[in-house]
Amino acid sequence: MYEQKFNTIFAKRLRYYLKKCNMTQLDLAKQLGVGTTSVYNWCNGIKTPRMDKVDNMCSIFHCRHADLMEEKPDDLCRDEFPPEIYAAAHDMMELSETDKKTAIDMIHFLYERGKKTT
């Protein structure tokens, strides 16, 4: 089960860096000297790359291992939310646990209030 979770996180982070660097899976495959099927499998959480390939990806993307292997708050897809929602969610990550709970409670309150008026 742990391997599947790791593959899912790695796939999400890899897709993030491909997009950030304006690279295709084919571009990455060529730079790593692997087949496109390998990159496809990594991008879709099907398989785990060997560590030497992760090292090479870090060099290509100018990032750390943790940037590819750990879930980040940035994993919210910016394209799925209006910029102000993404910015608010990002800011919320900086709040204390108590203030996060207060903010979430307020969001729920506003949501429920909105449901009653429509």
N, C-alpha and C. Protein backbone atom coordinates (compact mmCIF):
# COMPACT_ATOMS: atom_id res chain seq x y z
N MET A 1 0.82 -1.20 0.00
CA MET A 1 0.00 0.00 0.00
C MET A 1 0.86 1.26 0.00
N TYR A 2 1.96 1.25 0.78
CA TYR A 2 2.85 2.40 0.84
C TYR A 2 3.42 2.72 -0.54
N GLU A 3 3.79 1.68 -1.30
CA GLU A 3 4.36 1.89 -2.63
C GLU A 3 3.36 2.61 -3.54
N GLN A 4 2.10 2.23 -3.47
CA GLN A 4 1.08 2.87 -4.31
C GLN A 4 0.92 4.34 -3.94
N LYS A 5 0.93 4.65 -2.65
CA LYS A 5 0.82 6.06 -2.22
C LYS A 5 2.03 6.84 -2.70
N PHE A 6 3.21 6.24 -2.55
CA PHE A 6 4.42 6.90 -3.03
C PHE A 6 4.33 7.15 -4.54
N ASN A 7 3.91 6.14 -5.29
CA ASN A 7 3.80 6.29 -6.75
C ASN A 7 2.83 7.40 -7.11
N THR A 8 1.73 7.51 -6.37
CA THR A 8 0.73 8.54 -6.65
C THR A 8 1.31 9.93 -6.41
N ILE A 9 2.01 10.09 -5.28
CA ILE A 9 2.63 11.39 -4.97
C ILE A 9 3.71 11.71 -5.99
N PHE A 10 4.57 10.71 -6.27
CA PHE A 10 5.65 10.94 -7.23
C PHE A 10 5.08 11.33 -8.59
N ALA A 11 4.04 10.65 -9.03
CA ALA A 11 3.43 10.94 -10.33
C ALA A 11 2.91 12.37 -10.37
N LYS A 12 2.25 12.79 -9.31
CA LYS A 12 1.71 14.15 -9.26
C LYS A 12 2.82 15.19 -9.31
N ARG A 13 3.88 14.94 -8.54
CA ARG A 13 5.01 15.88 -8.51
C ARG A 13 5.75 15.89 -9.85
N LEU A 14 5.90 14.72 -10.46
CA LEU A 14 6.57 14.65 -11.76
C LEU A 14 5.78 15.43 -12.81
N ARG A 15 4.47 15.24 -12.83
CA ARG A 15 3.65 15.99 -13.79
C ARG A 15 3.75 17.49 -13.53
N TYR A 16 3.82 17.87 -12.26
CA TYR A 16 3.99 19.29 -11.90
C TYR A 16 5.28 19.84 -12.50
N TYR A 17 6.39 19.12 -12.32
CA TYR A 17 7.68 19.61 -12.82
C TYR A 17 7.75 19.58 -14.34
N LEU A 18 7.14 18.60 -14.97
CA LEU A 18 7.10 18.59 -16.43
C LEU A 18 6.38 19.84 -16.94
N LYS A 19 5.25 20.14 -16.31
CA LYS A 19 4.49 21.33 -16.73
C LYS A 19 5.28 22.60 -16.43
N LYS A 20 5.84 22.67 -15.24
CA LYS A 20 6.61 23.86 -14.83
C LYS A 20 7.78 24.12 -15.79
N CYS A 21 8.42 23.05 -16.24
CA CYS A 21 9.58 23.17 -17.12
C CYS A 21 9.20 23.12 -18.60
N ASN A 22 7.88 23.09 -18.85
CA ASN A 22 7.38 23.05 -20.23
C ASN A 22 8.01 21.90 -21.02
N MET A 23 8.01 20.72 -20.41
CA MET A 23 8.58 19.53 -21.02
C MET A 23 7.49 18.50 -21.27
N THR A 24 7.69 17.69 -22.27
CA THR A 24 6.79 16.57 -22.52
C THR A 24 7.41 15.30 -21.92
N GLN A 25 6.61 14.27 -21.85
CA GLN A 25 7.14 12.98 -21.39
C GLN A 25 8.22 12.50 -22.34
N LEU A 26 8.05 12.74 -23.62
CA LEU A 26 9.06 12.36 -24.61
C LEU A 26 10.36 13.09 -24.37
N ASP A 27 10.29 14.41 -24.08
CA ASP A 27 11.49 15.19 -23.78
C ASP A 27 12.25 14.57 -22.60
N LEU A 28 11.51 14.25 -21.55
CA LEU A 28 12.16 13.68 -20.36
C LEU A 28 12.76 12.31 -20.67
N ALA A 29 12.02 11.50 -21.40
CA ALA A 29 12.53 10.16 -21.76
C ALA A 29 13.86 10.27 -22.50
N LYS A 30 13.93 11.20 -23.46
CA LYS A 30 15.17 11.38 -24.22
C LYS A 30 16.31 11.81 -23.32
N GLN A 31 16.03 12.76 -22.41
CA GLN A 31 17.10 13.26 -21.53
C GLN A 31 17.58 12.19 -20.55
N LEU A 32 16.67 11.31 -20.14
CA LEU A 32 17.04 10.26 -19.19
C LEU A 32 17.58 9.00 -19.89
N GLY A 33 17.37 8.91 -21.20
CA GLY A 33 17.80 7.72 -21.92
C GLY A 33 16.95 6.51 -21.61
N VAL A 34 15.65 6.75 -21.42
CA VAL A 34 14.71 5.65 -21.15
C VAL A 34 13.60 5.70 -22.19
N GLY A 35 12.80 4.66 -22.22
CA GLY A 35 11.68 4.62 -23.14
C GLY A 35 10.53 5.51 -22.66
N THR A 36 9.68 5.90 -23.59
CA THR A 36 8.53 6.72 -23.24
C THR A 36 7.56 5.96 -22.34
N THR A 37 7.54 4.64 -22.46
CA THR A 37 6.66 3.84 -21.60
C THR A 37 7.05 3.98 -20.14
N SER A 38 8.34 4.04 -19.86
CA SER A 38 8.80 4.22 -18.47
C SER A 38 8.30 5.54 -17.91
N VAL A 39 8.47 6.61 -18.66
CA VAL A 39 8.03 7.92 -18.18
C VAL A 39 6.51 7.94 -18.03
N TYR A 40 5.80 7.35 -18.98
CA TYR A 40 4.35 7.25 -18.88
C TYR A 40 3.95 6.54 -17.59
N ASN A 41 4.61 5.43 -17.29
CA ASN A 41 4.30 4.66 -16.08
C ASN A 41 4.58 5.47 -14.82
N TRP A 42 5.65 6.25 -14.81
CA TRP A 42 5.95 7.09 -13.65
C TRP A 42 4.91 8.19 -13.50
N CYS A 43 4.53 8.80 -14.61
CA CYS A 43 3.57 9.91 -14.59
C CYS A 43 2.16 9.47 -14.21
N ASN A 44 1.90 8.21 -14.33
CA ASN A 44 0.57 7.69 -14.01
C ASN A 44 0.55 6.82 -12.76
N GLY A 45 1.66 6.83 -12.01
CA GLY A 45 1.71 6.12 -10.73
C GLY A 45 1.71 4.60 -10.85
N ILE A 46 2.08 4.10 -12.02
CA ILE A 46 2.06 2.66 -12.25
C ILE A 46 3.34 2.00 -11.73
N LYS A 47 4.45 2.68 -11.91
CA LYS A 47 5.75 2.14 -11.51
C LYS A 47 6.57 3.21 -10.81
N THR A 48 7.61 2.77 -10.11
CA THR A 48 8.53 3.65 -9.40
C THR A 48 9.85 3.71 -10.16
N PRO A 49 10.39 4.90 -10.39
CA PRO A 49 11.69 4.97 -11.07
C PRO A 49 12.82 4.55 -10.13
N ARG A 50 13.91 4.08 -10.72
CA ARG A 50 15.11 3.77 -9.93
C ARG A 50 15.70 5.08 -9.42
N MET A 51 16.44 5.00 -8.33
CA MET A 51 17.00 6.21 -7.72
C MET A 51 17.96 6.95 -8.63
N ASP A 52 18.69 6.25 -9.50
CA ASP A 52 19.58 6.96 -10.40
C ASP A 52 18.78 7.83 -11.37
N LYS A 53 17.58 7.39 -11.73
CA LYS A 53 16.71 8.18 -12.61
C LYS A 53 16.14 9.38 -11.84
N VAL A 54 15.82 9.17 -10.57
CA VAL A 54 15.33 10.27 -9.74
C VAL A 54 16.44 11.32 -9.59
N ASP A 55 17.67 10.87 -9.37
CA ASP A 55 18.81 11.79 -9.29
C ASP A 55 18.91 12.63 -10.56
N ASN A 56 18.79 11.96 -11.70
CA ASN A 56 18.88 12.67 -12.98
C ASN A 56 17.73 13.65 -13.15
N MET A 57 16.52 13.27 -12.71
CA MET A 57 15.37 14.17 -12.81
C MET A 57 15.60 15.41 -11.95
N CYS A 58 16.19 15.22 -10.77
CA CYS A 58 16.48 16.36 -9.90
C CYS A 58 17.44 17.33 -10.59
N SER A 59 18.40 16.80 -11.30
CA SER A 59 19.34 17.65 -12.05
C SER A 59 18.62 18.38 -13.18
N ILE A 60 17.76 17.68 -13.88
CA ILE A 60 17.03 18.27 -15.00
C ILE A 60 16.08 19.37 -14.51
N PHE A 61 15.34 19.09 -13.42
CA PHE A 61 14.33 20.03 -12.92
C PHE A 61 14.90 21.03 -11.92
N HIS A 62 16.18 20.88 -11.56
CA HIS A 62 16.82 21.75 -10.57
C HIS A 62 16.01 21.74 -9.27
N CYS A 63 15.78 20.54 -8.76
CA CYS A 63 15.01 20.39 -7.53
C CYS A 63 15.68 19.36 -6.64
N ARG A 64 15.13 19.20 -5.44
CA ARG A 64 15.64 18.23 -4.48
C ARG A 64 14.83 16.95 -4.57
N HIS A 65 15.35 15.87 -4.02
CA HIS A 65 14.60 14.61 -3.98
C HIS A 65 13.23 14.82 -3.32
N ALA A 66 13.23 15.56 -2.22
CA ALA A 66 11.98 15.78 -1.49
C ALA A 66 10.94 16.48 -2.36
N ASP A 67 11.40 17.31 -3.28
CA ASP A 67 10.46 18.01 -4.15
C ASP A 67 9.70 17.05 -5.07
N LEU A 68 10.32 15.94 -5.39
CA LEU A 68 9.67 14.93 -6.23
C LEU A 68 8.97 13.84 -5.43
N MET A 69 9.38 13.65 -4.18
CA MET A 69 8.90 12.49 -3.44
C MET A 69 7.92 12.80 -2.31
N GLU A 70 7.76 14.08 -1.97
CA GLU A 70 6.88 14.42 -0.86
C GLU A 70 5.73 15.28 -1.36
N GLU A 71 4.56 15.04 -0.79
CA GLU A 71 3.39 15.83 -1.14
C GLU A 71 3.59 17.26 -0.65
N LYS A 72 3.21 18.22 -1.48
CA LYS A 72 3.39 19.63 -1.15
C LYS A 72 2.04 20.34 -1.20
N PRO A 73 1.90 21.45 -0.45
CA PRO A 73 0.67 22.24 -0.58
C PRO A 73 0.45 22.72 -2.01
N ASP A 74 1.54 22.89 -2.77
CA ASP A 74 1.43 23.31 -4.17
C ASP A 74 0.71 22.29 -5.03
N ASP A 75 0.48 21.09 -4.48
CA ASP A 75 -0.15 20.05 -5.27
C ASP A 75 -1.58 20.38 -5.63
N LEU A 76 -2.17 21.40 -5.00
CA LEU A 76 -3.47 21.87 -5.48
C LEU A 76 -3.24 22.36 -6.90
N CYS A 77 -4.01 21.88 -7.80
CA CYS A 77 -3.82 22.26 -9.19
C CYS A 77 -4.34 23.67 -9.41
N ARG A 78 -3.46 24.58 -9.71
CA ARG A 78 -3.84 25.99 -9.89
C ARG A 78 -4.86 26.17 -11.00
N ASP A 79 -4.83 25.31 -11.99
CA ASP A 79 -5.76 25.45 -13.10
C ASP A 79 -7.19 25.12 -12.71
N GLU A 80 -7.38 24.39 -11.61
CA GLU A 80 -8.71 23.97 -11.21
C GLU A 80 -9.41 25.01 -10.34
N PHE A 81 -8.69 26.01 -9.84
CA PHE A 81 -9.26 26.98 -8.93
C PHE A 81 -8.97 28.40 -9.43
N PRO A 82 -9.88 29.33 -9.16
CA PRO A 82 -9.57 30.74 -9.46
C PRO A 82 -8.36 31.16 -8.64
N PRO A 83 -7.56 32.09 -9.15
CA PRO A 83 -6.33 32.50 -8.45
C PRO A 83 -6.56 32.92 -7.00
N GLU A 84 -7.67 33.61 -6.72
CA GLU A 84 -7.90 34.08 -5.35
C GLU A 84 -8.16 32.92 -4.39
N ILE A 85 -8.77 31.84 -4.89
CA ILE A 85 -9.00 30.66 -4.04
C ILE A 85 -7.67 29.97 -3.76
N TYR A 86 -6.86 29.81 -4.79
CA TYR A 86 -5.55 29.18 -4.61
C TYR A 86 -4.71 30.00 -3.62
N ALA A 87 -4.71 31.32 -3.79
CA ALA A 87 -3.92 32.19 -2.90
C ALA A 87 -4.40 32.07 -1.46
N ALA A 88 -5.74 32.03 -1.27
CA ALA A 88 -6.28 31.91 0.09
C ALA A 88 -5.89 30.57 0.71
N ALA A 89 -5.97 29.49 -0.08
CA ALA A 89 -5.59 28.17 0.43
C ALA A 89 -4.10 28.15 0.80
N HIS A 90 -3.29 28.77 -0.04
CA HIS A 90 -1.85 28.83 0.23
C HIS A 90 -1.59 29.62 1.51
N ASP A 91 -2.27 30.76 1.67
CA ASP A 91 -2.10 31.57 2.88
C ASP A 91 -2.55 30.81 4.12
N MET A 92 -3.62 30.03 3.97
CA MET A 92 -4.15 29.29 5.10
C MET A 92 -3.13 28.31 5.67
N MET A 93 -2.26 27.79 4.81
CA MET A 93 -1.24 26.84 5.26
C MET A 93 -0.28 27.47 6.27
N GLU A 94 -0.19 28.80 6.28
CA GLU A 94 0.73 29.51 7.17
C GLU A 94 0.11 29.79 8.54
N LEU A 95 -1.20 29.57 8.68
CA LEU A 95 -1.90 29.87 9.93
C LEU A 95 -1.59 28.83 11.00
N SER A 96 -1.82 29.23 12.24
CA SER A 96 -1.73 28.26 13.35
C SER A 96 -2.86 27.26 13.20
N GLU A 97 -2.75 26.14 13.88
CA GLU A 97 -3.79 25.11 13.79
C GLU A 97 -5.14 25.66 14.26
N THR A 98 -5.13 26.47 15.29
CA THR A 98 -6.37 27.06 15.80
C THR A 98 -7.00 27.98 14.76
N ASP A 99 -6.17 28.82 14.13
CA ASP A 99 -6.69 29.74 13.12
C ASP A 99 -7.14 29.00 11.86
N LYS A 100 -6.46 27.90 11.51
CA LYS A 100 -6.92 27.09 10.38
C LYS A 100 -8.31 26.55 10.65
N LYS A 101 -8.54 26.05 11.87
CA LYS A 101 -9.85 25.51 12.22
C LYS A 101 -10.90 26.62 12.15
N THR A 102 -10.57 27.81 12.64
CA THR A 102 -11.51 28.93 12.59
C THR A 102 -11.84 29.28 11.14
N ALA A 103 -10.83 29.31 10.28
CA ALA A 103 -11.06 29.63 8.86
C ALA A 103 -11.94 28.57 8.21
N ILE A 104 -11.68 27.32 8.49
CA ILE A 104 -12.49 26.24 7.91
C ILE A 104 -13.92 26.31 8.42
N ASP A 105 -14.08 26.58 9.71
CA ASP A 105 -15.44 26.73 10.26
C ASP A 105 -16.17 27.87 9.57
N MET A 106 -15.49 28.98 9.32
CA MET A 106 -16.10 30.13 8.66
C MET A 106 -16.51 29.77 7.23
N ILE A 107 -15.67 29.04 6.53
CA ILE A 107 -16.00 28.62 5.16
C ILE A 107 -17.25 27.74 5.17
N HIS A 108 -17.31 26.80 6.10
CA HIS A 108 -18.49 25.93 6.21
C HIS A 108 -19.74 26.74 6.53
N PHE A 109 -19.60 27.71 7.44
CA PHE A 109 -20.73 28.57 7.80
C PHE A 109 -21.24 29.32 6.57
N LEU A 110 -20.33 29.94 5.82
CA LEU A 110 -20.73 30.69 4.63
C LEU A 110 -21.35 29.78 3.57
N TYR A 111 -20.82 28.59 3.45
CA TYR A 111 -21.38 27.63 2.49
C TYR A 111 -22.81 27.26 2.85
N GLU A 112 -23.01 26.92 4.12
CA GLU A 112 -24.36 26.55 4.57
C GLU A 112 -25.33 27.72 4.45
N ARG A 113 -24.88 28.91 4.77
CA ARG A 113 -25.72 30.10 4.65
C ARG A 113 -26.10 30.32 3.20
N GLY A 114 -25.15 30.11 2.29
CA GLY A 114 -25.42 30.26 0.86
C GLY A 114 -26.42 29.24 0.35
N LYS A 115 -26.34 28.02 0.88
CA LYS A 115 -27.30 26.97 0.47
C LYS A 115 -28.72 27.33 0.88
N LYS A 116 -28.88 28.00 2.03
CA LYS A 116 -30.22 28.34 2.54
C LYS A 116 -30.85 29.48 1.75
N THR A 117 -30.01 30.33 1.14
CA THR A 117 -30.58 31.48 0.41
C THR A 117 -30.85 31.17 -1.07
N THR A 118 -30.41 30.03 -1.53
CA THR A 118 -30.65 29.69 -2.94
C THR A 118 -31.76 28.70 -3.11
